[in-house]
Structures are given as structure tokens and as C-alpha cells.
Amino acid sequence: MKTLQVKIGEHHMKLLSPYTHILAKFKEEYEILKGNKRVKPDILIYLESGYGTSFINYEVDNFRENGKITFRRSDYQITVDSDYKVAKLYFHDDLALKHAMMNLYSSFIVYHNWGLLIHSSAVVNDSKGFIFAGQSGAGKSTSAMLSMPRTILSDEAAIVKIDKGVSTVYHSPFRSEIKPTNLTEYSPVEGIYLLHQSHDIHKHAIKKSDAFLQLMDKVFYWSREAEDTKKIIALLKKLVKLTPVHHLYFQKNDKFWEVIS
């Protein structure tokens, strides 16, 4: 069995597979731990290809049985112990592997009450993190590309730790178009911006109650389990309490940074 240890957010994951080429898929976009940097992993993940069919839709079936949790889509299946120590992940192709890892990690951080995976891009400016969220096609990847050469922490799925006094956004390996330049960077979140393409460039603040509702469908992982749902709601409420949320109306240029920074 081949092994590779990676870090996502603050979490150490040991990947195991009989095939070297499967582990090689992680080496460009994930932080890899080598030599004496190895630490006890938070979770073991067994990886195997050849599962199912190509992507059909985003609907994921999940259920609990015999002390294990299963997530199943046409192109992947994850089975994880109820304490999130050991997982088995079967996938069809590279897209399935990425989405399965997003599913597993987002449910993992909710289980540990650590944070949320949010459908958004994230950019560092003057050591502060800015999160850009919105519906599909709103401009998440565009806003990230327009922000270069600033560090891009995410262009698709932002990893946000939600602590008592601060929210923090981390480098995300879950990418759409923009390859990572700094695999270890993270920053306190200065603000969250809901994107709208417009002829004018301006922002306006959103009330915390409205911000909570606006961000609900931007959270990647929602569970049928009442306990998980309570955790997600509590984390999201804490996030909007800690972090200002604005509507941002922008053009396809970088002038929006004059408005938000």
C-alpha cells in the first residue's frame, strides 16, 4: 500500500492507495508533509478508482448504517466511521475524486465543529482575507483572477475556520481554474462579499439575519442528520456575527478593490 500525508486547513490526512498514480494527483494542489514533518493523522483515507459512472448530477445520497456513514453519488462513494477516523473513498475519475474529497472534508470539519466549506473564492490583500461568494456564474473565479497578483486562497471552495473571536480562511486545494501559489497561507477574514456584475462599482452592508439567509445555499455540506444541521446553523450564525457581509457590485476589472480595501 502506497501512502501520502497531506494537510488541509489545520488537519492532517494520511492517504493510502495501492496505486502511485492516484496519490500523485494530490501533489500539485495539496500541502504535502515530508520527512520529519509527519505527524499523527486526524483521519486515514483509503483511495480506490474504478467506481460507478461519469458525473450525472450533484445529488448525494447519504445514510448511516452499522456505525458508519455513507455518501454516494453516481461517480463516487465514501464510507466513513462515525467518529471520522477512517474513511474509504471510491471514485470514477478526477472530477469525482475532487468532489468526493470536498464532501468528506466538509462533513469532517462540521463533525469537529471547526468550520465550513463555502462555495466562494478567497483572496489575501494586506494580510487580510476577502471572500467572494455568489450563485453559479456570479463571478467568483473572475474576481479571483482580477485580483492577481494577490494570493488566491480559493477560486471555488473556501475553507473557513470559525472560532470564538475570529474567522480564518485557509488555502484550499479544491480548485476550479487557478492553480495555487502558496499551499500554506491563511488569513483572518476581513469581509464576505456577495457578487453581482454591474455597470457601477459599489457595496452595501447586509444585516446579519439577512446575511445568514444569503449564505445558507453557499455552504457545501448539509446533512439529513439533525445534529449535523444544528452544528452547521450554529457555525454559520457565528460566522456572520464575526464577519461583515456586503453585496458587492463590480465590473470585470480590479477597481472593486478600491471600494473594499
C-alpha atoms as a PDB file:
ATOM      1  CA  MET A   1       0.000   0.000   0.000  1.00  0.00           C
ATOM      2  CA  LYS A   2       1.392   3.408  -1.042  1.00  0.00           C
ATOM      3  CA  THR A   3       0.930   6.345   1.350  1.00  0.00           C
ATOM      4  CA  LEU A   4       0.994  10.138   1.247  1.00  0.00           C
ATOM      5  CA  GLN A   5       0.345  12.588   4.064  1.00  0.00           C
ATOM      6  CA  VAL A   6      -1.363  15.880   3.239  1.00  0.00           C
ATOM      7  CA  LYS A   7      -2.635  18.852   5.211  1.00  0.00           C
ATOM      8  CA  ILE A   8      -5.914  20.675   4.592  1.00  0.00           C
ATOM      9  CA  GLY A   9      -6.638  23.667   6.808  1.00  0.00           C
ATOM     10  CA  GLU A  10      -5.270  22.560  10.178  1.00  0.00           C
ATOM     11  CA  HIS A  11      -5.958  18.882   9.561  1.00  0.00           C
ATOM     12  CA  HIS A  12      -3.535  16.097   8.720  1.00  0.00           C
ATOM     13  CA  MET A  13      -4.750  13.318   6.453  1.00  0.00           C
ATOM     14  CA  LYS A  14      -2.974  10.119   5.551  1.00  0.00           C
ATOM     15  CA  LEU A  15      -3.900   8.874   2.093  1.00  0.00           C
ATOM     16  CA  LEU A  16      -3.472   5.206   1.218  1.00  0.00           C
ATOM     17  CA  SER A  17      -3.818   3.536  -2.168  1.00  0.00           C
ATOM     18  CA  PRO A  18      -2.385   0.524  -3.981  1.00  0.00           C
ATOM     19  CA  TYR A  19      -1.564   2.803  -6.927  1.00  0.00           C
ATOM     20  CA  THR A  20       1.099   5.530  -7.022  1.00  0.00           C
ATOM     21  CA  HIS A  21      -0.660   7.448  -9.816  1.00  0.00           C
ATOM     22  CA  ILE A  22      -3.710   8.044  -7.595  1.00  0.00           C
ATOM     23  CA  LEU A  23      -1.605   9.667  -4.867  1.00  0.00           C
ATOM     24  CA  ALA A  24       0.280  11.683  -7.500  1.00  0.00           C
ATOM     25  CA  LYS A  25      -2.952  13.601  -8.220  1.00  0.00           C
ATOM     26  CA  PHE A  26      -2.576  15.335  -4.830  1.00  0.00           C
ATOM     27  CA  LYS A  27       0.986  16.587  -5.187  1.00  0.00           C
ATOM     28  CA  GLU A  28       0.309  19.825  -7.089  1.00  0.00           C
ATOM     29  CA  GLU A  29      -2.597  21.302  -5.163  1.00  0.00           C
ATOM     30  CA  TYR A  30      -2.282  19.894  -1.635  1.00  0.00           C
ATOM     31  CA  GLU A  31       0.231  20.720   1.074  1.00  0.00           C
ATOM     32  CA  ILE A  32       2.403  17.609   1.346  1.00  0.00           C
ATOM     33  CA  LEU A  33       4.100  16.650   4.610  1.00  0.00           C
ATOM     34  CA  LYS A  34       7.527  15.097   4.219  1.00  0.00           C
ATOM     35  CA  GLY A  35      10.229  13.606   6.408  1.00  0.00           C
ATOM     36  CA  ASN A  36      10.240  14.828  10.000  1.00  0.00           C
ATOM     37  CA  LYS A  37       7.146  16.963   9.379  1.00  0.00           C
ATOM     38  CA  ARG A  38       4.974  13.870   9.577  1.00  0.00           C
ATOM     39  CA  VAL A  39       2.520  13.922  12.477  1.00  0.00           C
ATOM     40  CA  LYS A  40      -0.260  11.664  13.648  1.00  0.00           C
ATOM     41  CA  PRO A  41      -3.036  12.000  11.063  1.00  0.00           C
ATOM     42  CA  ASP A  42      -6.518  13.144  12.018  1.00  0.00           C
ATOM     43  CA  ILE A  43      -8.043  10.735   9.521  1.00  0.00           C
ATOM     44  CA  LEU A  44      -6.939   7.833   7.318  1.00  0.00           C
ATOM     45  CA  ILE A  45      -8.380   7.808   3.796  1.00  0.00           C
ATOM     46  CA  TYR A  46      -8.194   4.702   1.611  1.00  0.00           C
ATOM     47  CA  LEU A  47      -8.498   5.563  -2.086  1.00  0.00           C
ATOM     48  CA  GLU A  48      -9.564   3.309  -4.947  1.00  0.00           C
ATOM     49  CA  SER A  49     -10.527   4.147  -8.531  1.00  0.00           C
ATOM     50  CA  GLY A  50     -12.894   2.383 -10.919  1.00  0.00           C
ATOM     51  CA  TYR A  51     -16.172   3.149  -9.152  1.00  0.00           C
ATOM     52  CA  GLY A  52     -19.507   3.898 -10.795  1.00  0.00           C
ATOM     53  CA  THR A  53     -20.170   6.019 -13.860  1.00  0.00           C
ATOM     54  CA  SER A  54     -19.376   9.537 -15.044  1.00  0.00           C
ATOM     55  CA  PHE A  55     -20.907  12.567 -13.308  1.00  0.00           C
ATOM     56  CA  ILE A  56     -24.691  12.837 -13.709  1.00  0.00           C
ATOM     57  CA  ASN A  57     -25.724  15.450 -11.134  1.00  0.00           C
ATOM     58  CA  TYR A  58     -24.708  16.875  -7.755  1.00  0.00           C
ATOM     59  CA  GLU A  59     -27.248  14.950  -5.700  1.00  0.00           C
ATOM     60  CA  VAL A  60     -25.579  12.873  -2.989  1.00  0.00           C
ATOM     61  CA  ASP A  61     -27.382  10.144  -1.084  1.00  0.00           C
ATOM     62  CA  ASN A  62     -26.195   9.720   2.494  1.00  0.00           C
ATOM     63  CA  PHE A  63     -27.202   7.343   5.255  1.00  0.00           C
ATOM     64  CA  ARG A  64     -25.961   5.764   8.490  1.00  0.00           C
ATOM     65  CA  GLU A  65     -25.705   2.026   8.967  1.00  0.00           C
ATOM     66  CA  ASN A  66     -23.787  -0.215  11.400  1.00  0.00           C
ATOM     67  CA  GLY A  67     -21.824   2.666  12.909  1.00  0.00           C
ATOM     68  CA  LYS A  68     -20.708   4.026   9.535  1.00  0.00           C
ATOM     69  CA  ILE A  69     -21.769   6.973   7.382  1.00  0.00           C
ATOM     70  CA  THR A  70     -22.048   6.543   3.609  1.00  0.00           C
ATOM     71  CA  PHE A  71     -22.124   9.282   0.955  1.00  0.00           C
ATOM     72  CA  ARG A  72     -22.986   8.012  -2.519  1.00  0.00           C
ATOM     73  CA  ARG A  73     -23.155   9.718  -5.895  1.00  0.00           C
ATOM     74  CA  SER A  74     -23.120   8.157  -9.366  1.00  0.00           C
ATOM     75  CA  ASP A  75     -19.362   8.711  -9.638  1.00  0.00           C
ATOM     76  CA  TYR A  76     -18.143   8.204  -6.049  1.00  0.00           C
ATOM     77  CA  GLN A  77     -18.840   6.547  -2.737  1.00  0.00           C
ATOM     78  CA  ILE A  78     -17.442   7.412   0.692  1.00  0.00           C
ATOM     79  CA  THR A  79     -17.805   5.239   3.772  1.00  0.00           C
ATOM     80  CA  VAL A  80     -16.507   6.765   6.997  1.00  0.00           C
ATOM     81  CA  ASP A  81     -16.615   5.679  10.633  1.00  0.00           C
ATOM     82  CA  SER A  82     -18.997   7.701  12.776  1.00  0.00           C
ATOM     83  CA  ASP A  83     -16.004   9.245  14.610  1.00  0.00           C
ATOM     84  CA  TYR A  84     -14.338  10.315  11.333  1.00  0.00           C
ATOM     85  CA  LYS A  85     -11.093   8.429  11.938  1.00  0.00           C
ATOM     86  CA  VAL A  86     -11.077   6.096   8.919  1.00  0.00           C
ATOM     87  CA  ALA A  87     -12.695   6.585   5.506  1.00  0.00           C
ATOM     88  CA  LYS A  88     -12.835   4.548   2.310  1.00  0.00           C
ATOM     89  CA  LEU A  89     -13.276   6.579  -0.872  1.00  0.00           C
ATOM     90  CA  TYR A  90     -14.083   5.005  -4.240  1.00  0.00           C
ATOM     91  CA  PHE A  91     -14.168   7.268  -7.316  1.00  0.00           C
ATOM     92  CA  HIS A  92     -14.723   7.140 -11.063  1.00  0.00           C
ATOM     93  CA  ASP A  93     -12.426   9.900 -12.397  1.00  0.00           C
ATOM     94  CA  ASP A  94     -10.545  13.068 -11.382  1.00  0.00           C
ATOM     95  CA  LEU A  95     -13.705  15.171 -11.075  1.00  0.00           C
ATOM     96  CA  ALA A  96     -15.275  12.552  -8.841  1.00  0.00           C
ATOM     97  CA  LEU A  97     -12.143  12.417  -6.681  1.00  0.00           C
ATOM     98  CA  LYS A  98     -12.171  16.197  -6.173  1.00  0.00           C
ATOM     99  CA  HIS A  99     -15.858  16.310  -5.306  1.00  0.00           C
ATOM    100  CA  ALA A 100     -15.562  13.307  -3.005  1.00  0.00           C
ATOM    101  CA  MET A 101     -12.685  14.912  -1.109  1.00  0.00           C
ATOM    102  CA  MET A 102     -14.743  18.125  -0.805  1.00  0.00           C
ATOM    103  CA  ASN A 103     -17.670  16.125   0.530  1.00  0.00           C
ATOM    104  CA  LEU A 104     -15.532  14.216   3.015  1.00  0.00           C
ATOM    105  CA  TYR A 105     -13.599  17.243   4.257  1.00  0.00           C
ATOM    106  CA  SER A 106     -16.669  19.490   4.590  1.00  0.00           C
ATOM    107  CA  SER A 107     -18.504  16.858   6.643  1.00  0.00           C
ATOM    108  CA  PHE A 108     -15.316  16.213   8.656  1.00  0.00           C
ATOM    109  CA  ILE A 109     -14.941  19.857   9.747  1.00  0.00           C
ATOM    110  CA  VAL A 110     -18.642  20.097  10.609  1.00  0.00           C
ATOM    111  CA  TYR A 111     -18.364  16.927  12.704  1.00  0.00           C
ATOM    112  CA  HIS A 112     -15.495  18.545  14.638  1.00  0.00           C
ATOM    113  CA  ASN A 113     -17.395  21.856  14.883  1.00  0.00           C
ATOM    114  CA  TRP A 114     -14.339  23.545  13.318  1.00  0.00           C
ATOM    115  CA  GLY A 115     -15.714  25.426  10.328  1.00  0.00           C
ATOM    116  CA  LEU A 116     -17.390  25.353   6.926  1.00  0.00           C
ATOM    117  CA  LEU A 117     -16.541  24.839   3.281  1.00  0.00           C
ATOM    118  CA  ILE A 118     -18.144  27.737   1.405  1.00  0.00           C
ATOM    119  CA  HIS A 119     -18.798  27.962  -2.335  1.00  0.00           C
ATOM    120  CA  SER A 120     -16.642  31.030  -2.967  1.00  0.00           C
ATOM    121  CA  SER A 121     -13.270  32.389  -3.979  1.00  0.00           C
ATOM    122  CA  ALA A 122     -10.905  33.892  -1.414  1.00  0.00           C
ATOM    123  CA  VAL A 123      -8.076  36.392  -1.839  1.00  0.00           C
ATOM    124  CA  VAL A 124      -5.404  37.792   0.505  1.00  0.00           C
ATOM    125  CA  ASN A 125      -4.817  41.545   0.455  1.00  0.00           C
ATOM    126  CA  ASP A 126      -2.505  43.211   3.014  1.00  0.00           C
ATOM    127  CA  SER A 127      -2.563  40.020   5.136  1.00  0.00           C
ATOM    128  CA  LYS A 128      -6.366  40.041   5.285  1.00  0.00           C
ATOM    129  CA  GLY A 129      -8.729  37.526   3.723  1.00  0.00           C
ATOM    130  CA  PHE A 130     -11.583  38.555   1.434  1.00  0.00           C
ATOM    131  CA  ILE A 131     -14.240  36.006   0.474  1.00  0.00           C
ATOM    132  CA  PHE A 132     -16.285  36.392  -2.729  1.00  0.00           C
ATOM    133  CA  ALA A 133     -19.461  34.311  -2.868  1.00  0.00           C
ATOM    134  CA  GLY A 134     -22.389  34.107  -5.229  1.00  0.00           C
ATOM    135  CA  GLN A 135     -24.551  31.947  -7.412  1.00  0.00           C
ATOM    136  CA  SER A 136     -23.023  29.977 -10.270  1.00  0.00           C
ATOM    137  CA  GLY A 137     -21.780  32.443 -12.876  1.00  0.00           C
ATOM    138  CA  ALA A 138     -21.767  35.411 -10.483  1.00  0.00           C
ATOM    139  CA  GLY A 139     -18.027  35.894 -10.892  1.00  0.00           C
ATOM    140  CA  LYS A 140     -16.221  34.008  -8.129  1.00  0.00           C
ATOM    141  CA  SER A 141     -13.384  32.793 -10.352  1.00  0.00           C
ATOM    142  CA  THR A 142     -13.435  36.085 -12.284  1.00  0.00           C
ATOM    143  CA  SER A 143     -13.000  38.165  -9.124  1.00  0.00           C
ATOM    144  CA  ALA A 144     -10.111  35.925  -8.090  1.00  0.00           C
ATOM    145  CA  MET A 145      -8.363  36.234 -11.466  1.00  0.00           C
ATOM    146  CA  LEU A 146      -8.872  40.009 -11.488  1.00  0.00           C
ATOM    147  CA  SER A 147      -7.224  40.133  -8.052  1.00  0.00           C
ATOM    148  CA  MET A 148      -3.883  38.741  -9.202  1.00  0.00           C
ATOM    149  CA  PRO A 149      -1.024  39.016  -8.301  1.00  0.00           C
ATOM    150  CA  ARG A 150      -2.555  38.875  -4.815  1.00  0.00           C
ATOM    151  CA  THR A 151      -2.505  35.389  -3.285  1.00  0.00           C
ATOM    152  CA  ILE A 152      -5.559  33.361  -4.298  1.00  0.00           C
ATOM    153  CA  LEU A 153      -6.575  31.025  -1.475  1.00  0.00           C
ATOM    154  CA  SER A 154      -9.543  29.641  -3.376  1.00  0.00           C
ATOM    155  CA  ASP A 155     -11.401  30.043  -6.657  1.00  0.00           C
ATOM    156  CA  GLU A 156     -14.208  27.580  -5.917  1.00  0.00           C
ATOM    157  CA  ALA A 157     -14.421  26.342  -2.323  1.00  0.00           C
ATOM    158  CA  ALA A 158     -13.102  28.417   0.572  1.00  0.00           C
ATOM    159  CA  ILE A 159     -12.092  26.680   3.805  1.00  0.00           C
ATOM    160  CA  VAL A 160     -13.218  28.857   6.723  1.00  0.00           C
ATOM    161  CA  LYS A 161     -12.377  28.166  10.357  1.00  0.00           C
ATOM    162  CA  ILE A 162     -14.958  29.715  12.668  1.00  0.00           C
ATOM    163  CA  ASP A 163     -13.557  30.255  16.130  1.00  0.00           C
ATOM    164  CA  LYS A 164     -14.781  32.195  19.168  1.00  0.00           C
ATOM    165  CA  GLY A 165     -13.221  35.522  18.273  1.00  0.00           C
ATOM    166  CA  VAL A 166     -12.155  35.317  14.628  1.00  0.00           C
ATOM    167  CA  SER A 167     -12.907  33.618  11.320  1.00  0.00           C
ATOM    168  CA  THR A 168      -9.924  32.465   9.247  1.00  0.00           C
ATOM    169  CA  VAL A 169      -9.726  31.426   5.592  1.00  0.00           C
ATOM    170  CA  TYR A 170      -7.155  28.831   4.523  1.00  0.00           C
ATOM    171  CA  HIS A 171      -5.541  27.740   1.285  1.00  0.00           C
ATOM    172  CA  SER A 172      -7.984  25.427  -0.454  1.00  0.00           C
ATOM    173  CA  PRO A 173      -6.865  22.542  -2.692  1.00  0.00           C
ATOM    174  CA  PHE A 174     -10.379  22.355  -4.155  1.00  0.00           C
ATOM    175  CA  ARG A 175      -9.782  24.405  -7.303  1.00  0.00           C
ATOM    176  CA  SER A 176     -11.639  25.205 -10.493  1.00  0.00           C
ATOM    177  CA  GLU A 177      -9.209  27.128 -12.713  1.00  0.00           C
ATOM    178  CA  ILE A 178      -6.483  28.930 -10.739  1.00  0.00           C
ATOM    179  CA  LYS A 179      -3.582  26.827  -9.554  1.00  0.00           C
ATOM    180  CA  PRO A 180      -2.301  27.541  -6.039  1.00  0.00           C
ATOM    181  CA  THR A 181       0.818  29.655  -5.483  1.00  0.00           C
ATOM    182  CA  ASN A 182       1.108  29.291  -1.697  1.00  0.00           C
ATOM    183  CA  LEU A 183      -0.008  25.994  -0.206  1.00  0.00           C
ATOM    184  CA  THR A 184       0.391  27.045   3.432  1.00  0.00           C
ATOM    185  CA  GLU A 185      -1.082  30.550   3.599  1.00  0.00           C
ATOM    186  CA  TYR A 186      -4.109  31.570   5.659  1.00  0.00           C
ATOM    187  CA  SER A 187      -5.548  34.896   6.809  1.00  0.00           C
ATOM    188  CA  PRO A 188      -8.192  36.325   9.148  1.00  0.00           C
ATOM    189  CA  VAL A 189     -11.356  37.122   7.213  1.00  0.00           C
ATOM    190  CA  GLU A 190     -11.862  40.843   6.713  1.00  0.00           C
ATOM    191  CA  GLY A 191     -15.183  40.519   4.913  1.00  0.00           C
ATOM    192  CA  ILE A 192     -17.527  38.399   2.818  1.00  0.00           C
ATOM    193  CA  TYR A 193     -18.850  39.856  -0.442  1.00  0.00           C
ATOM    194  CA  LEU A 194     -21.862  38.584  -2.369  1.00  0.00           C
ATOM    195  CA  LEU A 195     -21.118  39.251  -6.023  1.00  0.00           C
ATOM    196  CA  HIS A 196     -23.258  40.999  -8.628  1.00  0.00           C
ATOM    197  CA  GLN A 197     -21.937  42.056 -12.029  1.00  0.00           C
ATOM    198  CA  SER A 198     -22.921  45.645 -12.696  1.00  0.00           C
ATOM    199  CA  HIS A 199     -22.105  48.811 -14.651  1.00  0.00           C
ATOM    200  CA  ASP A 200     -21.415  50.557 -11.341  1.00  0.00           C
ATOM    201  CA  ILE A 201     -18.956  49.612  -8.612  1.00  0.00           C
ATOM    202  CA  HIS A 202     -20.294  49.877  -5.079  1.00  0.00           C
ATOM    203  CA  LYS A 203     -21.039  47.874  -1.963  1.00  0.00           C
ATOM    204  CA  HIS A 204     -23.632  47.961   0.763  1.00  0.00           C
ATOM    205  CA  ALA A 205     -23.792  46.147   4.072  1.00  0.00           C
ATOM    206  CA  ILE A 206     -26.213  43.314   4.730  1.00  0.00           C
ATOM    207  CA  LYS A 207     -27.947  42.827   8.082  1.00  0.00           C
ATOM    208  CA  LYS A 208     -26.661  39.783   9.930  1.00  0.00           C
ATOM    209  CA  SER A 209     -30.027  38.000   9.780  1.00  0.00           C
ATOM    210  CA  ASP A 210     -30.195  38.537   6.005  1.00  0.00           C
ATOM    211  CA  ALA A 211     -26.534  37.579   5.597  1.00  0.00           C
ATOM    212  CA  PHE A 212     -27.240  34.260   7.312  1.00  0.00           C
ATOM    213  CA  LEU A 213     -30.038  33.516   4.842  1.00  0.00           C
ATOM    214  CA  GLN A 214     -27.972  34.659   1.851  1.00  0.00           C
ATOM    215  CA  LEU A 215     -25.086  32.346   2.794  1.00  0.00           C
ATOM    216  CA  MET A 216     -27.097  29.229   3.560  1.00  0.00           C
ATOM    217  CA  ASP A 217     -27.013  27.935  -0.012  1.00  0.00           C
ATOM    218  CA  LYS A 218     -23.280  28.744  -0.290  1.00  0.00           C
ATOM    219  CA  VAL A 219     -22.405  26.112   2.334  1.00  0.00           C
ATOM    220  CA  PHE A 220     -21.261  22.895   0.634  1.00  0.00           C
ATOM    221  CA  TYR A 221     -22.356  20.341   3.189  1.00  0.00           C
ATOM    222  CA  TRP A 222     -25.864  19.937   4.566  1.00  0.00           C
ATOM    223  CA  SER A 223     -26.855  16.736   6.319  1.00  0.00           C
ATOM    224  CA  ARG A 224     -30.096  14.895   6.890  1.00  0.00           C
ATOM    225  CA  GLU A 225     -28.948  14.343  10.468  1.00  0.00           C
ATOM    226  CA  ALA A 226     -30.476  16.831  12.907  1.00  0.00           C
ATOM    227  CA  GLU A 227     -27.293  17.049  14.972  1.00  0.00           C
ATOM    228  CA  ASP A 228     -25.178  17.980  11.938  1.00  0.00           C
ATOM    229  CA  THR A 229     -27.748  20.535  10.808  1.00  0.00           C
ATOM    230  CA  LYS A 230     -27.664  22.192  14.240  1.00  0.00           C
ATOM    231  CA  LYS A 231     -23.864  22.420  14.028  1.00  0.00           C
ATOM    232  CA  ILE A 232     -23.940  23.956  10.540  1.00  0.00           C
ATOM    233  CA  ILE A 233     -26.545  26.534  11.538  1.00  0.00           C
ATOM    234  CA  ALA A 234     -24.601  27.445  14.693  1.00  0.00           C
ATOM    235  CA  LEU A 235     -21.340  27.793  12.726  1.00  0.00           C
ATOM    236  CA  LEU A 236     -22.967  29.949  10.058  1.00  0.00           C
ATOM    237  CA  LYS A 237     -24.583  32.208  12.660  1.00  0.00           C
ATOM    238  CA  LYS A 238     -21.221  32.612  14.352  1.00  0.00           C
ATOM    239  CA  LEU A 239     -19.556  33.417  11.015  1.00  0.00           C
ATOM    240  CA  VAL A 240     -21.938  36.291  10.192  1.00  0.00           C
ATOM    241  CA  LYS A 241     -21.613  37.579  13.753  1.00  0.00           C
ATOM    242  CA  LEU A 242     -17.812  37.676  13.439  1.00  0.00           C
ATOM    243  CA  THR A 243     -17.555  38.840   9.825  1.00  0.00           C
ATOM    244  CA  PRO A 244     -19.096  41.788   7.934  1.00  0.00           C
ATOM    245  CA  VAL A 245     -21.097  40.710   4.871  1.00  0.00           C
ATOM    246  CA  HIS A 246     -21.769  43.045   1.935  1.00  0.00           C
ATOM    247  CA  HIS A 247     -23.341  42.993  -1.500  1.00  0.00           C
ATOM    248  CA  LEU A 248     -20.604  43.912  -3.987  1.00  0.00           C
ATOM    249  CA  TYR A 249     -21.493  45.295  -7.417  1.00  0.00           C
ATOM    250  CA  PHE A 250     -18.472  45.112  -9.713  1.00  0.00           C
ATOM    251  CA  GLN A 251     -17.238  45.379 -13.277  1.00  0.00           C
ATOM    252  CA  LYS A 252     -14.804  42.960 -14.901  1.00  0.00           C
ATOM    253  CA  ASN A 253     -11.741  44.868 -13.720  1.00  0.00           C
ATOM    254  CA  ASP A 254      -9.852  45.224 -10.449  1.00  0.00           C
ATOM    255  CA  LYS A 255     -11.337  48.593  -9.423  1.00  0.00           C
ATOM    256  CA  PHE A 256     -13.581  46.893  -6.874  1.00  0.00           C
ATOM    257  CA  TRP A 257     -10.511  46.692  -4.626  1.00  0.00           C
ATOM    258  CA  GLU A 258     -10.688  50.488  -4.262  1.00  0.00           C
ATOM    259  CA  VAL A 259     -14.151  50.010  -2.731  1.00  0.00           C
ATOM    260  CA  ILE A 260     -13.488  47.116  -0.360  1.00  0.00           C
ATOM    261  CA  SER A 261      -9.908  47.628   0.887  1.00  0.00           C
END
